[in-house]
């Protein structure tokens, strides 16, 4: 398999894991705050920007991993 493709697939796997982890962490935080206040709470701007940042990082990570894998293979 091409080294670029291997790096890309590794990056996709890492991206999925990081995005899912951040999503569950935000939902856990919302559940704890909702339980403490005894009412349903909505996501605030900080949580929305955290998720947006993680998704953006997750979109860039596969390309960075493919370039990194290629550079490592050239050494």
Protein backbone atom coordinates (compact mmCIF):
# COMPACT_ATOMS: atom_id res chain seq x y z
CA UNK A 1 0.00 0.00 0.00
CA UNK A 2 1.22 3.49 -0.77
CA UNK A 3 2.82 5.26 2.19
CA UNK A 4 0.69 8.37 1.59
CA UNK A 5 -2.46 6.27 1.83
CA UNK A 6 -1.28 4.54 5.00
CA UNK A 7 -0.57 7.85 6.68
CA UNK A 8 -3.91 9.23 5.54
CA UNK A 9 -5.82 6.23 6.91
CA UNK A 10 -3.98 6.44 10.23
CA UNK A 11 -4.89 10.13 10.40
CA UNK A 12 -8.54 9.37 9.65
CA UNK A 13 -8.59 6.81 12.46
CA UNK A 14 -7.06 9.23 14.92
CA UNK A 15 -9.46 11.97 13.83
CA UNK A 16 -12.50 9.80 14.39
CA UNK A 17 -11.30 8.77 17.85
CA UNK A 18 -10.55 12.37 18.88
CA UNK A 19 -13.85 13.73 17.57
CA UNK A 20 -15.89 10.99 19.27
CA UNK A 21 -14.00 11.55 22.54
CA UNK A 22 -14.62 15.30 22.45
CA UNK A 23 -18.31 14.79 21.60
CA UNK A 24 -18.81 12.42 24.53
CA UNK A 25 -16.90 14.74 26.87
CA UNK A 26 -19.15 17.66 25.94
CA UNK A 27 -22.29 15.55 26.36
CA UNK A 28 -21.06 14.32 29.76
CA UNK A 29 -20.40 17.91 30.80
CA UNK A 30 -23.90 18.94 29.69
CA UNK A 31 -25.46 16.05 31.61
CA UNK A 32 -23.60 16.96 34.80
CA UNK A 33 -24.58 20.63 34.52
CA UNK A 34 -28.17 19.69 33.72
CA UNK A 35 -28.32 17.43 36.76
CA UNK A 36 -26.81 20.12 39.00
CA UNK A 37 -29.29 22.78 37.82
CA UNK A 38 -32.21 20.32 37.68
CA UNK A 39 -33.24 21.47 34.21
CA UNK A 40 -32.25 20.86 30.62
CA UNK A 41 -29.37 23.07 29.48
CA UNK A 42 -28.23 23.92 25.98
CA UNK A 43 -24.70 23.98 24.62
CA UNK A 44 -22.95 27.27 25.22
CA UNK A 45 -20.65 29.06 22.80
CA UNK A 46 -17.53 27.60 24.43
CA UNK A 47 -18.67 24.03 23.83
CA UNK A 48 -19.71 24.78 20.26
CA UNK A 49 -16.33 26.33 19.50
CA UNK A 50 -14.54 23.38 21.12
CA UNK A 51 -16.40 20.97 18.86
CA UNK A 52 -15.84 23.14 15.78
CA UNK A 53 -12.12 23.31 16.55
CA UNK A 54 -11.89 19.55 17.00
CA UNK A 55 -13.70 18.92 13.71
CA UNK A 56 -11.39 21.34 11.91
CA UNK A 57 -8.35 19.64 13.42
CA UNK A 58 -9.83 16.27 12.47
CA UNK A 59 -10.13 17.37 8.85
CA UNK A 60 -6.49 18.53 8.69
CA UNK A 61 -4.93 15.66 10.66
CA UNK A 62 -5.13 12.99 7.89
CA UNK A 63 -3.24 15.23 5.47
CA UNK A 64 -0.60 15.98 8.09
CA UNK A 65 -0.22 12.29 8.89
CA UNK A 66 0.19 11.40 5.23
CA UNK A 67 2.91 14.03 4.81
CA UNK A 68 4.55 12.89 8.04
CA UNK A 69 4.51 9.25 6.94
CA UNK A 70 6.06 10.20 3.62
CA UNK A 71 8.81 12.21 5.36
CA UNK A 72 9.56 9.35 7.75
CA UNK A 73 9.79 6.90 4.83
CA UNK A 74 12.38 9.13 3.13
CA UNK A 75 14.75 9.05 6.11
